Amino acid sequence: MTDPIRSTLPLPDYDHLPIGGLESRVRSLTEEEVESLLTYEQAHADRLPVTELLSARLEQLRTGAEPTSGDPGALRPEQGGHRTGSPVSPATSPQPFSPPPHGTPDQRGKPKGDRT
């Protein structure tokens, strides 16, 4: 079920934006739009870095800053760079190794005997 408030947010796919992309894209928003994002964030995920970012931008707007175009090249989830899965492959895996000399939980180490 889709949250009706989510569909009215000023940034599409807001919940999926990385903080680096959000920082740039929020620069194009008005004071009211940033307030709506901050209210939404506090009511939902309440991520500290995001609330700090939005609060700082809101303060800038209240002290006279103007919305700018932001960075259109900012990271967006809809852009490429779909890095999913593990970067580990047989080519990047380490060589197999023997268990440590003290043993493993299923293979106990053997005592060295009396060393006096």
PDB file of N, CA and C in Angstrom:
ATOM      1  N   MET A   1       0.841  -1.184   0.000  1.00  0.00           N
ATOM      2  CA  MET A   1       0.000   0.000   0.000  1.00  0.00           C
ATOM      3  C   MET A   1       0.886   1.248   0.000  1.00  0.00           C
ATOM      4  N   THR A   2       0.579   2.184  -0.859  1.00  0.00           N
ATOM      5  CA  THR A   2       1.371   3.392  -1.001  1.00  0.00           C
ATOM      6  C   THR A   2       0.917   4.435   0.009  1.00  0.00           C
ATOM      7  N   ASP A   3       1.880   5.076   0.638  1.00  0.00           N
ATOM      8  CA  ASP A   3       1.610   6.146   1.582  1.00  0.00           C
ATOM      9  C   ASP A   3       1.169   7.371   0.784  1.00  0.00           C
ATOM     10  N   PRO A   4      -0.038   7.922   1.052  1.00  0.00           N
ATOM     11  CA  PRO A   4      -0.500   9.076   0.271  1.00  0.00           C
ATOM     12  C   PRO A   4       0.396  10.302   0.441  1.00  0.00           C
ATOM     13  N   ILE A   5       1.000  10.466   1.584  1.00  0.00           N
ATOM     14  CA  ILE A   5       1.895  11.609   1.803  1.00  0.00           C
ATOM     15  C   ILE A   5       3.134  11.462   0.926  1.00  0.00           C
ATOM     16  N   ARG A   6       3.614  10.242   0.791  1.00  0.00           N
ATOM     17  CA  ARG A   6       4.821   9.984  -0.004  1.00  0.00           C
ATOM     18  C   ARG A   6       4.639  10.448  -1.440  1.00  0.00           C
ATOM     19  N   SER A   7       3.465  10.271  -2.013  1.00  0.00           N
ATOM     20  CA  SER A   7       3.236  10.643  -3.411  1.00  0.00           C
ATOM     21  C   SER A   7       3.178  12.154  -3.615  1.00  0.00           C
ATOM     22  N   THR A   8       3.049  12.918  -2.527  1.00  0.00           N
ATOM     23  CA  THR A   8       3.003  14.378  -2.659  1.00  0.00           C
ATOM     24  C   THR A   8       4.325  15.041  -2.301  1.00  0.00           C
ATOM     25  N   LEU A   9       5.358  14.257  -2.006  1.00  0.00           N
ATOM     26  CA  LEU A   9       6.653  14.829  -1.656  1.00  0.00           C
ATOM     27  C   LEU A   9       7.264  15.540  -2.864  1.00  0.00           C
ATOM     28  N   PRO A  10       8.026  16.613  -2.623  1.00  0.00           N
ATOM     29  CA  PRO A  10       8.595  17.377  -3.742  1.00  0.00           C
ATOM     30  C   PRO A  10       9.704  16.658  -4.514  1.00  0.00           C
ATOM     31  N   LEU A  11      10.283  15.608  -3.957  1.00  0.00           N
ATOM     32  CA  LEU A  11      11.309  14.844  -4.663  1.00  0.00           C
ATOM     33  C   LEU A  11      10.799  13.431  -4.912  1.00  0.00           C
ATOM     34  N   PRO A  12      10.695  13.024  -6.172  1.00  0.00           N
ATOM     35  CA  PRO A  12      10.244  11.658  -6.447  1.00  0.00           C
ATOM     36  C   PRO A  12      11.266  10.650  -5.918  1.00  0.00           C
ATOM     37  N   ASP A  13      10.801   9.542  -5.449  1.00  0.00           N
ATOM     38  CA  ASP A  13      11.650   8.488  -4.887  1.00  0.00           C
ATOM     39  C   ASP A  13      12.540   9.011  -3.760  1.00  0.00           C
ATOM     40  N   TYR A  14      12.032   9.938  -2.967  1.00  0.00           N
ATOM     41  CA  TYR A  14      12.782  10.536  -1.869  1.00  0.00           C
ATOM     42  C   TYR A  14      13.392   9.475  -0.955  1.00  0.00           C
ATOM     43  N   ASP A  15      12.623   8.451  -0.622  1.00  0.00           N
ATOM     44  CA  ASP A  15      13.077   7.419   0.316  1.00  0.00           C
ATOM     45  C   ASP A  15      14.275   6.640  -0.212  1.00  0.00           C
ATOM     46  N   HIS A  16      14.510   6.666  -1.512  1.00  0.00           N
ATOM     47  CA  HIS A  16      15.577   5.873  -2.105  1.00  0.00           C
ATOM     48  C   HIS A  16      16.780   6.702  -2.540  1.00  0.00           C
ATOM     49  N   LEU A  17      16.745   7.984  -2.261  1.00  0.00           N
ATOM     50  CA  LEU A  17      17.868   8.845  -2.654  1.00  0.00           C
ATOM     51  C   LEU A  17      19.029   8.668  -1.683  1.00  0.00           C
ATOM     52  N   PRO A  18      20.250   8.482  -2.205  1.00  0.00           N
ATOM     53  CA  PRO A  18      21.410   8.465  -1.314  1.00  0.00           C
ATOM     54  C   PRO A  18      21.641   9.876  -0.782  1.00  0.00           C
ATOM     55  N   ILE A  19      22.242   9.975   0.379  1.00  0.00           N
ATOM     56  CA  ILE A  19      22.391  11.295   0.999  1.00  0.00           C
ATOM     57  C   ILE A  19      23.195  12.250   0.122  1.00  0.00           C
ATOM     58  N   GLY A  20      24.161  11.746  -0.633  1.00  0.00           N
ATOM     59  CA  GLY A  20      24.931  12.610  -1.538  1.00  0.00           C
ATOM     60  C   GLY A  20      24.058  13.230  -2.611  1.00  0.00           C
ATOM     61  N   GLY A  21      23.124  12.482  -3.142  1.00  0.00           N
ATOM     62  CA  GLY A  21      22.206  13.009  -4.146  1.00  0.00           C
ATOM     63  C   GLY A  21      21.161  13.916  -3.529  1.00  0.00           C
ATOM     64  N   LEU A  22      20.748  13.593  -2.315  1.00  0.00           N
ATOM     65  CA  LEU A  22      19.740  14.399  -1.634  1.00  0.00           C
ATOM     66  C   LEU A  22      20.280  15.787  -1.326  1.00  0.00           C
ATOM     67  N   GLU A  23      21.529  15.851  -0.889  1.00  0.00           N
ATOM     68  CA  GLU A  23      22.130  17.135  -0.528  1.00  0.00           C
ATOM     69  C   GLU A  23      22.098  18.114  -1.689  1.00  0.00           C
ATOM     70  N   SER A  24      22.363  17.631  -2.880  1.00  0.00           N
ATOM     71  CA  SER A  24      22.370  18.498  -4.046  1.00  0.00           C
ATOM     72  C   SER A  24      20.945  18.824  -4.509  1.00  0.00           C
ATOM     73  N   ARG A  25      20.101  17.820  -4.509  1.00  0.00           N
ATOM     74  CA  ARG A  25      18.748  18.028  -5.047  1.00  0.00           C
ATOM     75  C   ARG A  25      17.875  18.887  -4.141  1.00  0.00           C
ATOM     76  N   VAL A  26      18.146  18.894  -2.832  1.00  0.00           N
ATOM     77  CA  VAL A  26      17.324  19.674  -1.918  1.00  0.00           C
ATOM     78  C   VAL A  26      17.568  21.176  -2.090  1.00  0.00           C
ATOM     79  N   ARG A  27      18.673  21.539  -2.733  1.00  0.00           N
ATOM     80  CA  ARG A  27      18.984  22.954  -2.953  1.00  0.00           C
ATOM     81  C   ARG A  27      17.972  23.647  -3.868  1.00  0.00           C
ATOM     82  N   SER A  28      17.268  22.882  -4.668  1.00  0.00           N
ATOM     83  CA  SER A  28      16.306  23.489  -5.593  1.00  0.00           C
ATOM     84  C   SER A  28      14.930  23.678  -4.955  1.00  0.00           C
ATOM     85  N   LEU A  29      14.755  23.240  -3.717  1.00  0.00           N
ATOM     86  CA  LEU A  29      13.436  23.289  -3.081  1.00  0.00           C
ATOM     87  C   LEU A  29      13.207  24.593  -2.325  1.00  0.00           C
ATOM     88  N   THR A  30      11.938  24.938  -2.198  1.00  0.00           N
ATOM     89  CA  THR A  30      11.547  26.115  -1.421  1.00  0.00           C
ATOM     90  C   THR A  30      11.502  25.753   0.062  1.00  0.00           C
ATOM     91  N   GLU A  31      11.335  26.755   0.895  1.00  0.00           N
ATOM     92  CA  GLU A  31      11.263  26.544   2.341  1.00  0.00           C
ATOM     93  C   GLU A  31      10.132  25.582   2.707  1.00  0.00           C
ATOM     94  N   GLU A  32       8.981  25.763   2.076  1.00  0.00           N
ATOM     95  CA  GLU A  32       7.827  24.902   2.360  1.00  0.00           C
ATOM     96  C   GLU A  32       8.088  23.451   1.945  1.00  0.00           C
ATOM     97  N   GLU A  33       8.761  23.270   0.824  1.00  0.00           N
ATOM     98  CA  GLU A  33       9.063  21.920   0.350  1.00  0.00           C
ATOM     99  C   GLU A  33      10.068  21.219   1.271  1.00  0.00           C
ATOM    100  N   VAL A  34      11.079  21.957   1.726  1.00  0.00           N
ATOM    101  CA  VAL A  34      12.045  21.376   2.651  1.00  0.00           C
ATOM    102  C   VAL A  34      11.363  21.034   3.974  1.00  0.00           C
ATOM    103  N   GLU A  35      10.464  21.907   4.432  1.00  0.00           N
ATOM    104  CA  GLU A  35       9.712  21.627   5.657  1.00  0.00           C
ATOM    105  C   GLU A  35       8.902  20.346   5.516  1.00  0.00           C
ATOM    106  N   SER A  36       8.265  20.146   4.360  1.00  0.00           N
ATOM    107  CA  SER A  36       7.463  18.936   4.168  1.00  0.00           C
ATOM    108  C   SER A  36       8.341  17.690   4.169  1.00  0.00           C
ATOM    109  N   LEU A  37       9.548  17.779   3.572  1.00  0.00           N
ATOM    110  CA  LEU A  37      10.470  16.641   3.608  1.00  0.00           C
ATOM    111  C   LEU A  37      10.943  16.356   5.027  1.00  0.00           C
ATOM    112  N   LEU A  38      11.249  17.403   5.770  1.00  0.00           N
ATOM    113  CA  LEU A  38      11.716  17.229   7.146  1.00  0.00           C
ATOM    114  C   LEU A  38      10.624  16.603   8.011  1.00  0.00           C
ATOM    115  N   THR A  39       9.414  17.052   7.865  1.00  0.00           N
ATOM    116  CA  THR A  39       8.287  16.479   8.621  1.00  0.00           C
ATOM    117  C   THR A  39       8.101  15.017   8.259  1.00  0.00           C
ATOM    118  N   TYR A  40       8.162  14.713   6.965  1.00  0.00           N
ATOM    119  CA  TYR A  40       8.018  13.327   6.507  1.00  0.00           C
ATOM    120  C   TYR A  40       9.149  12.456   7.069  1.00  0.00           C
ATOM    121  N   GLU A  41      10.389  12.965   6.990  1.00  0.00           N
ATOM    122  CA  GLU A  41      11.545  12.203   7.471  1.00  0.00           C
ATOM    123  C   GLU A  41      11.427  11.918   8.966  1.00  0.00           C
ATOM    124  N   GLN A  42      11.053  12.917   9.732  1.00  0.00           N
ATOM    125  CA  GLN A  42      10.939  12.739  11.182  1.00  0.00           C
ATOM    126  C   GLN A  42       9.829  11.753  11.547  1.00  0.00           C
ATOM    127  N   ALA A  43       8.795  11.702  10.744  1.00  0.00           N
ATOM    128  CA  ALA A  43       7.674  10.786  11.018  1.00  0.00           C
ATOM    129  C   ALA A  43       7.936   9.371  10.521  1.00  0.00           C
ATOM    130  N   HIS A  44       8.900   9.203   9.646  1.00  0.00           N
ATOM    131  CA  HIS A  44       9.128   7.884   9.055  1.00  0.00           C
ATOM    132  C   HIS A  44      10.497   7.327   9.461  1.00  0.00           C
ATOM    133  N   ALA A  45      11.518   7.486   8.660  1.00  0.00           N
ATOM    134  CA  ALA A  45      12.817   6.862   8.941  1.00  0.00           C
ATOM    135  C   ALA A  45      13.588   7.594  10.042  1.00  0.00           C
ATOM    136  N   ASP A  46      13.447   8.902  10.131  1.00  0.00           N
ATOM    137  CA  ASP A  46      14.119   9.734  11.134  1.00  0.00           C
ATOM    138  C   ASP A  46      15.625   9.469  11.167  1.00  0.00           C
ATOM    139  N   ARG A  47      16.242   9.507   9.981  1.00  0.00           N
ATOM    140  CA  ARG A  47      17.686   9.295   9.856  1.00  0.00           C
ATOM    141  C   ARG A  47      18.402  10.580  10.251  1.00  0.00           C
ATOM    142  N   LEU A  48      19.286  10.494  11.231  1.00  0.00           N
ATOM    143  CA  LEU A  48      19.960  11.674  11.765  1.00  0.00           C
ATOM    144  C   LEU A  48      20.698  12.484  10.695  1.00  0.00           C
ATOM    145  N   PRO A  49      21.511  11.861   9.815  1.00  0.00           N
ATOM    146  CA  PRO A  49      22.204  12.679   8.811  1.00  0.00           C
ATOM    147  C   PRO A  49      21.227  13.417   7.887  1.00  0.00           C
ATOM    148  N   VAL A  50      20.103  12.789   7.594  1.00  0.00           N
ATOM    149  CA  VAL A  50      19.124  13.415   6.697  1.00  0.00           C
ATOM    150  C   VAL A  50      18.401  14.556   7.412  1.00  0.00           C
ATOM    151  N   THR A  51      17.991  14.338   8.663  1.00  0.00           N
ATOM    152  CA  THR A  51      17.301  15.419   9.384  1.00  0.00           C
ATOM    153  C   THR A  51      18.246  16.596   9.615  1.00  0.00           C
ATOM    154  N   GLU A  52      19.531  16.324   9.864  1.00  0.00           N
ATOM    155  CA  GLU A  52      20.497  17.415  10.018  1.00  0.00           C
ATOM    156  C   GLU A  52      20.660  18.182   8.713  1.00  0.00           C
ATOM    157  N   LEU A  53      20.741  17.464   7.602  1.00  0.00           N
ATOM    158  CA  LEU A  53      20.874  18.094   6.291  1.00  0.00           C
ATOM    159  C   LEU A  53      19.661  18.979   5.986  1.00  0.00           C
ATOM    160  N   LEU A  54      18.469  18.438   6.197  1.00  0.00           N
ATOM    161  CA  LEU A  54      17.250  19.190   5.898  1.00  0.00           C
ATOM    162  C   LEU A  54      17.090  20.380   6.844  1.00  0.00           C
ATOM    163  N   SER A  55      17.428  20.195   8.120  1.00  0.00           N
ATOM    164  CA  SER A  55      17.333  21.302   9.085  1.00  0.00           C
ATOM    165  C   SER A  55      18.301  22.422   8.722  1.00  0.00           C
ATOM    166  N   ALA A  56      19.514  22.059   8.305  1.00  0.00           N
ATOM    167  CA  ALA A  56      20.501  23.066   7.918  1.00  0.00           C
ATOM    168  C   ALA A  56      20.028  23.827   6.688  1.00  0.00           C
ATOM    169  N   ARG A  57      19.486  23.112   5.711  1.00  0.00           N
ATOM    170  CA  ARG A  57      18.998  23.784   4.495  1.00  0.00           C
ATOM    171  C   ARG A  57      17.810  24.683   4.819  1.00  0.00           C
ATOM    172  N   LEU A  58      16.950  24.229   5.701  1.00  0.00           N
ATOM    173  CA  LEU A  58      15.796  25.033   6.107  1.00  0.00           C
ATOM    174  C   LEU A  58      16.259  26.324   6.779  1.00  0.00           C
ATOM    175  N   GLU A  59      17.261  26.228   7.623  1.00  0.00           N
ATOM    176  CA  GLU A  59      17.811  27.413   8.282  1.00  0.00           C
ATOM    177  C   GLU A  59      18.422  28.368   7.258  1.00  0.00           C
ATOM    178  N   GLN A  60      19.108  27.825   6.258  1.00  0.00           N
ATOM    179  CA  GLN A  60      19.681  28.668   5.203  1.00  0.00           C
ATOM    180  C   GLN A  60      18.578  29.429   4.469  1.00  0.00           C
ATOM    181  N   LEU A  61      17.493  28.731   4.152  1.00  0.00           N
ATOM    182  CA  LEU A  61      16.390  29.379   3.433  1.00  0.00           C
ATOM    183  C   LEU A  61      15.721  30.453   4.298  1.00  0.00           C
ATOM    184  N   ARG A  62      15.605  30.185   5.584  1.00  0.00           N
ATOM    185  CA  ARG A  62      14.972  31.158   6.486  1.00  0.00           C
ATOM    186  C   ARG A  62      15.835  32.398   6.694  1.00  0.00           C
ATOM    187  N   THR A  63      17.135  32.267   6.484  1.00  0.00           N
ATOM    188  CA  THR A  63      18.022  33.424   6.660  1.00  0.00           C
ATOM    189  C   THR A  63      18.361  34.107   5.339  1.00  0.00           C
ATOM    190  N   GLY A  64      17.608  33.811   4.292  1.00  0.00           N
ATOM    191  CA  GLY A  64      17.747  34.550   3.048  1.00  0.00           C
ATOM    192  C   GLY A  64      18.294  33.800   1.860  1.00  0.00           C
ATOM    193  N   ALA A  65      18.705  32.558   2.015  1.00  0.00           N
ATOM    194  CA  ALA A  65      19.205  31.798   0.868  1.00  0.00           C
ATOM    195  C   ALA A  65      18.063  31.569  -0.124  1.00  0.00           C
ATOM    196  N   GLU A  66      18.408  31.516  -1.374  1.00  0.00           N
ATOM    197  CA  GLU A  66      17.421  31.283  -2.431  1.00  0.00           C
ATOM    198  C   GLU A  66      17.591  29.870  -2.981  1.00  0.00           C
ATOM    199  N   PRO A  67      16.495  29.247  -3.395  1.00  0.00           N
ATOM    200  CA  PRO A  67      16.626  27.942  -4.057  1.00  0.00           C
ATOM    201  C   PRO A  67      17.464  28.091  -5.322  1.00  0.00           C
ATOM    202  N   THR A  68      18.301  27.113  -5.586  1.00  0.00           N
ATOM    203  CA  THR A  68      19.126  27.103  -6.790  1.00  0.00           C
ATOM    204  C   THR A  68      18.724  25.907  -7.634  1.00  0.00           C
ATOM    205  N   SER A  69      19.391  25.748  -8.743  1.00  0.00           N
ATOM    206  CA  SER A  69      19.031  24.633  -9.612  1.00  0.00           C
ATOM    207  C   SER A  69      19.507  23.297  -9.064  1.00  0.00           C
ATOM    208  N   GLY A  70      20.419  23.315  -8.100  1.00  0.00           N
ATOM    209  CA  GLY A  70      20.945  22.054  -7.593  1.00  0.00           C
ATOM    210  C   GLY A  70      21.833  21.414  -8.642  1.00  0.00           C
ATOM    211  N   ASP A  71      22.255  20.218  -8.388  1.00  0.00           N
ATOM    212  CA  ASP A  71      23.121  19.509  -9.317  1.00  0.00           C
ATOM    213  C   ASP A  71      22.310  18.455 -10.046  1.00  0.00           C
ATOM    214  N   PRO A  72      22.022  18.685 -11.336  1.00  0.00           N
ATOM    215  CA  PRO A  72      21.227  17.695 -12.064  1.00  0.00           C
ATOM    216  C   PRO A  72      21.938  16.357 -12.206  1.00  0.00           C
ATOM    217  N   GLY A  73      23.247  16.333 -12.031  1.00  0.00           N
ATOM    218  CA  GLY A  73      23.988  15.084 -12.142  1.00  0.00           C
ATOM    219  C   GLY A  73      24.125  14.353 -10.811  1.00  0.00           C
ATOM    220  N   ALA A  74      23.429  14.837  -9.777  1.00  0.00           N
ATOM    221  CA  ALA A  74      23.531  14.201  -8.466  1.00  0.00           C
ATOM    222  C   ALA A  74      23.055  12.755  -8.541  1.00  0.00           C
ATOM    223  N   LEU A  75      23.589  11.962  -7.634  1.00  0.00           N
ATOM    224  CA  LEU A  75      23.238  10.544  -7.620  1.00  0.00           C
ATOM    225  C   LEU A  75      21.734  10.349  -7.492  1.00  0.00           C
ATOM    226  N   ARG A  76      21.208   9.554  -8.373  1.00  0.00           N
ATOM    227  CA  ARG A  76      19.780   9.254  -8.351  1.00  0.00           C
ATOM    228  C   ARG A  76      19.606   7.753  -8.472  1.00  0.00           C
ATOM    229  N   PRO A  77      18.616   7.194  -7.777  1.00  0.00           N
ATOM    230  CA  PRO A  77      18.441   5.750  -7.852  1.00  0.00           C
ATOM    231  C   PRO A  77      18.051   5.267  -9.240  1.00  0.00           C
ATOM    232  N   GLU A  78      17.443   6.144 -10.049  1.00  0.00           N
ATOM    233  CA  GLU A  78      17.001   5.717 -11.365  1.00  0.00           C
ATOM    234  C   GLU A  78      18.135   5.698 -12.385  1.00  0.00           C
ATOM    235  N   GLN A  79      19.308   6.272 -12.016  1.00  0.00           N
ATOM    236  CA  GLN A  79      20.449   6.252 -12.920  1.00  0.00           C
ATOM    237  C   GLN A  79      21.139   4.902 -12.837  1.00  0.00           C
ATOM    238  N   GLY A  80      22.054   4.680 -13.753  1.00  0.00           N
ATOM    239  CA  GLY A  80      22.801   3.427 -13.797  1.00  0.00           C
ATOM    240  C   GLY A  80      23.511   3.164 -12.488  1.00  0.00           C
ATOM    241  N   GLY A  81      24.568   2.429 -12.567  1.00  0.00           N
ATOM    242  CA  GLY A  81      25.320   2.150 -11.364  1.00  0.00           C
ATOM    243  C   GLY A  81      24.604   1.174 -10.460  1.00  0.00           C
ATOM    244  N   HIS A  82      23.884   0.242 -11.054  1.00  0.00           N
ATOM    245  CA  HIS A  82      23.180  -0.752 -10.245  1.00  0.00           C
ATOM    246  C   HIS A  82      24.198  -1.749  -9.728  1.00  0.00           C
ATOM    247  N   ARG A  83      24.738  -1.467  -8.562  1.00  0.00           N
ATOM    248  CA  ARG A  83      25.706  -2.381  -7.975  1.00  0.00           C
ATOM    249  C   ARG A  83      24.963  -3.273  -7.002  1.00  0.00           C
ATOM    250  N   THR A  84      24.644  -4.436  -7.456  1.00  0.00           N
ATOM    251  CA  THR A  84      23.963  -5.383  -6.590  1.00  0.00           C
ATOM    252  C   THR A  84      24.804  -6.629  -6.481  1.00  0.00           C
ATOM    253  N   GLY A  85      24.632  -7.323  -5.426  1.00  0.00           N
ATOM    254  CA  GLY A  85      25.369  -8.555  -5.237  1.00  0.00           C
ATOM    255  C   GLY A  85      26.766  -8.297  -4.723  1.00  0.00           C
ATOM    256  N   SER A  86      27.485  -9.338  -4.530  1.00  0.00           N
ATOM    257  CA  SER A  86      28.818  -9.263  -3.972  1.00  0.00           C
ATOM    258  C   SER A  86      29.856  -9.074  -5.070  1.00  0.00           C
ATOM    259  N   PRO A  87      30.885  -8.254  -4.810  1.00  0.00           N
ATOM    260  CA  PRO A  87      31.949  -8.112  -5.800  1.00  0.00           C
ATOM    261  C   PRO A  87      32.903  -9.306  -5.788  1.00  0.00           C
ATOM    262  N   VAL A  88      32.689 -10.232  -4.870  1.00  0.00           N
ATOM    263  CA  VAL A  88      33.558 -11.398  -4.765  1.00  0.00           C
ATOM    264  C   VAL A  88      33.190 -12.411  -5.843  1.00  0.00           C
ATOM    265  N   SER A  89      34.195 -12.918  -6.504  1.00  0.00           N
ATOM    266  CA  SER A  89      34.004 -13.947  -7.520  1.00  0.00           C
ATOM    267  C   SER A  89      35.132 -14.957  -7.350  1.00  0.00           C
ATOM    268  N   PRO A  90      35.082 -16.064  -8.054  1.00  0.00           N
ATOM    269  CA  PRO A  90      36.201 -17.008  -7.938  1.00  0.00           C
ATOM    270  C   PRO A  90      37.548 -16.358  -8.261  1.00  0.00           C
ATOM    271  N   ALA A  91      37.555 -15.387  -9.156  1.00  0.00           N
ATOM    272  CA  ALA A  91      38.810 -14.729  -9.521  1.00  0.00           C
ATOM    273  C   ALA A  91      39.338 -13.840  -8.399  1.00  0.00           C
ATOM    274  N   THR A  92      38.444 -13.304  -7.556  1.00  0.00           N
ATOM    275  CA  THR A  92      38.880 -12.410  -6.486  1.00  0.00           C
ATOM    276  C   THR A  92      38.908 -13.078  -5.125  1.00  0.00           C
ATOM    277  N   SER A  93      38.548 -14.352  -5.052  1.00  0.00           N
ATOM    278  CA  SER A  93      38.545 -15.073  -3.780  1.00  0.00           C
ATOM    279  C   SER A  93      39.959 -15.442  -3.362  1.00  0.00           C
ATOM    280  N   PRO A  94      40.220 -15.488  -2.044  1.00  0.00           N
ATOM    281  CA  PRO A  94      41.546 -15.892  -1.597  1.00  0.00           C
ATOM    282  C   PRO A  94      41.750 -17.388  -1.794  1.00  0.00           C
ATOM    283  N   GLN A  95      43.011 -17.801  -1.732  1.00  0.00           N
ATOM    284  CA  GLN A  95      43.318 -19.222  -1.842  1.00  0.00           C
ATOM    285  C   GLN A  95      42.816 -19.939  -0.591  1.00  0.00           C
ATOM    286  N   PRO A  96      42.385 -21.186  -0.710  1.00  0.00           N
ATOM    287  CA  PRO A  96      41.966 -21.931   0.474  1.00  0.00           C
ATOM    288  C   PRO A  96      43.136 -22.056   1.450  1.00  0.00           C
ATOM    289  N   PHE A  97      42.823 -22.150   2.722  1.00  0.00           N
ATOM    290  CA  PHE A  97      43.870 -22.270   3.725  1.00  0.00           C
ATOM    291  C   PHE A  97      43.484 -23.327   4.748  1.00  0.00           C
ATOM    292  N   SER A  98      44.485 -23.779   5.465  1.00  0.00           N
ATOM    293  CA  SER A  98      44.258 -24.792   6.494  1.00  0.00           C
ATOM    294  C   SER A  98      43.685 -24.140   7.739  1.00  0.00           C
ATOM    295  N   PRO A  99      42.968 -24.916   8.549  1.00  0.00           N
ATOM    296  CA  PRO A  99      42.445 -24.335   9.786  1.00  0.00           C
ATOM    297  C   PRO A  99      43.601 -23.972  10.719  1.00  0.00           C
ATOM    298  N   PRO A 100      43.377 -23.073  11.639  1.00  0.00           N
ATOM    299  CA  PRO A 100      44.447 -22.670  12.550  1.00  0.00           C
ATOM    300  C   PRO A 100      44.912 -23.858  13.390  1.00  0.00           C
ATOM    301  N   PRO A 101      46.152 -23.815  13.905  1.00  0.00           N
ATOM    302  CA  PRO A 101      46.706 -24.960  14.628  1.00  0.00           C
ATOM    303  C   PRO A 101      45.956 -25.283  15.915  1.00  0.00           C
ATOM    304  N   HIS A 102      45.223 -24.346  16.447  1.00  0.00           N
ATOM    305  CA  HIS A 102      44.501 -24.614  17.683  1.00  0.00           C
ATOM    306  C   HIS A 102      43.164 -25.295  17.427  1.00  0.00           C
ATOM    307  N   GLY A 103      42.841 -25.537  16.187  1.00  0.00           N
ATOM    308  CA  GLY A 103      41.632 -26.276  15.856  1.00  0.00           C
ATOM    309  C   GLY A 103      40.452 -25.382  15.553  1.00  0.00           C
ATOM    310  N   THR A 104      39.375 -26.008  15.192  1.00  0.00           N
ATOM    311  CA  THR A 104      38.117 -25.324  14.915  1.00  0.00           C
ATOM    312  C   THR A 104      37.059 -25.952  15.811  1.00  0.00           C
ATOM    313  N   PRO A 105      35.881 -25.361  15.925  1.00  0.00           N
ATOM    314  CA  PRO A 105      34.870 -25.943  16.813  1.00  0.00           C
ATOM    315  C   PRO A 105      34.562 -27.412  16.514  1.00  0.00           C
ATOM    316  N   ASP A 106      34.641 -27.810  15.265  1.00  0.00           N
ATOM    317  CA  ASP A 106      34.334 -29.203  14.936  1.00  0.00           C
ATOM    318  C   ASP A 106      35.583 -30.083  14.845  1.00  0.00           C
ATOM    319  N   GLN A 107      36.774 -29.493  14.985  1.00  0.00           N
ATOM    320  CA  GLN A 107      38.014 -30.256  14.927  1.00  0.00           C
ATOM    321  C   GLN A 107      38.963 -29.663  15.968  1.00  0.00           C
ATOM    322  N   ARG A 108      38.957 -30.244  17.136  1.00  0.00           N
ATOM    323  CA  ARG A 108      39.752 -29.714  18.238  1.00  0.00           C
ATOM    324  C   ARG A 108      41.254 -29.880  17.985  1.00  0.00           C
ATOM    325  N   GLY A 109      42.024 -28.935  18.489  1.00  0.00           N
ATOM    326  CA  GLY A 109      43.470 -29.018  18.377  1.00  0.00           C
ATOM    327  C   GLY A 109      44.024 -30.107  19.291  1.00  0.00           C
ATOM    328  N   LYS A 110      45.158 -30.579  18.948  1.00  0.00           N
ATOM    329  CA  LYS A 110      45.789 -31.625  19.745  1.00  0.00           C
ATOM    330  C   LYS A 110      46.834 -30.981  20.645  1.00  0.00           C
ATOM    331  N   PRO A 111      46.909 -31.386  21.926  1.00  0.00           N
ATOM    332  CA  PRO A 111      47.921 -30.802  22.815  1.00  0.00           C
ATOM    333  C   PRO A 111      49.323 -31.178  22.343  1.00  0.00           C
ATOM    334  N   LYS A 112      50.260 -30.295  22.564  1.00  0.00           N
ATOM    335  CA  LYS A 112      51.640 -30.499  22.141  1.00  0.00           C
ATOM    336  C   LYS A 112      52.406 -31.440  23.073  1.00  0.00           C
ATOM    337  N   GLY A 113      51.847 -31.738  24.184  1.00  0.00           N
ATOM    338  CA  GLY A 113      52.529 -32.615  25.136  1.00  0.00           C
ATOM    339  C   GLY A 113      53.287 -31.803  26.155  1.00  0.00           C
ATOM    340  N   ASP A 114      54.065 -32.469  26.971  1.00  0.00           N
ATOM    341  CA  ASP A 114      54.803 -31.819  28.034  1.00  0.00           C
ATOM    342  C   ASP A 114      56.070 -31.202  27.470  1.00  0.00           C
ATOM    343  N   ARG A 115      56.248 -29.879  27.646  1.00  0.00           N
ATOM    344  CA  ARG A 115      57.410 -29.174  27.096  1.00  0.00           C
ATOM    345  C   ARG A 115      58.384 -28.720  28.169  1.00  0.00           C
ATOM    346  N   THR A 116      58.508 -29.373  29.242  1.00  0.00           N
ATOM    347  CA  THR A 116      59.401 -28.908  30.306  1.00  0.00           C
ATOM    348  C   THR A 116      60.844 -29.158  30.049  1.00  0.00           C
TER     349      THR A 116
END
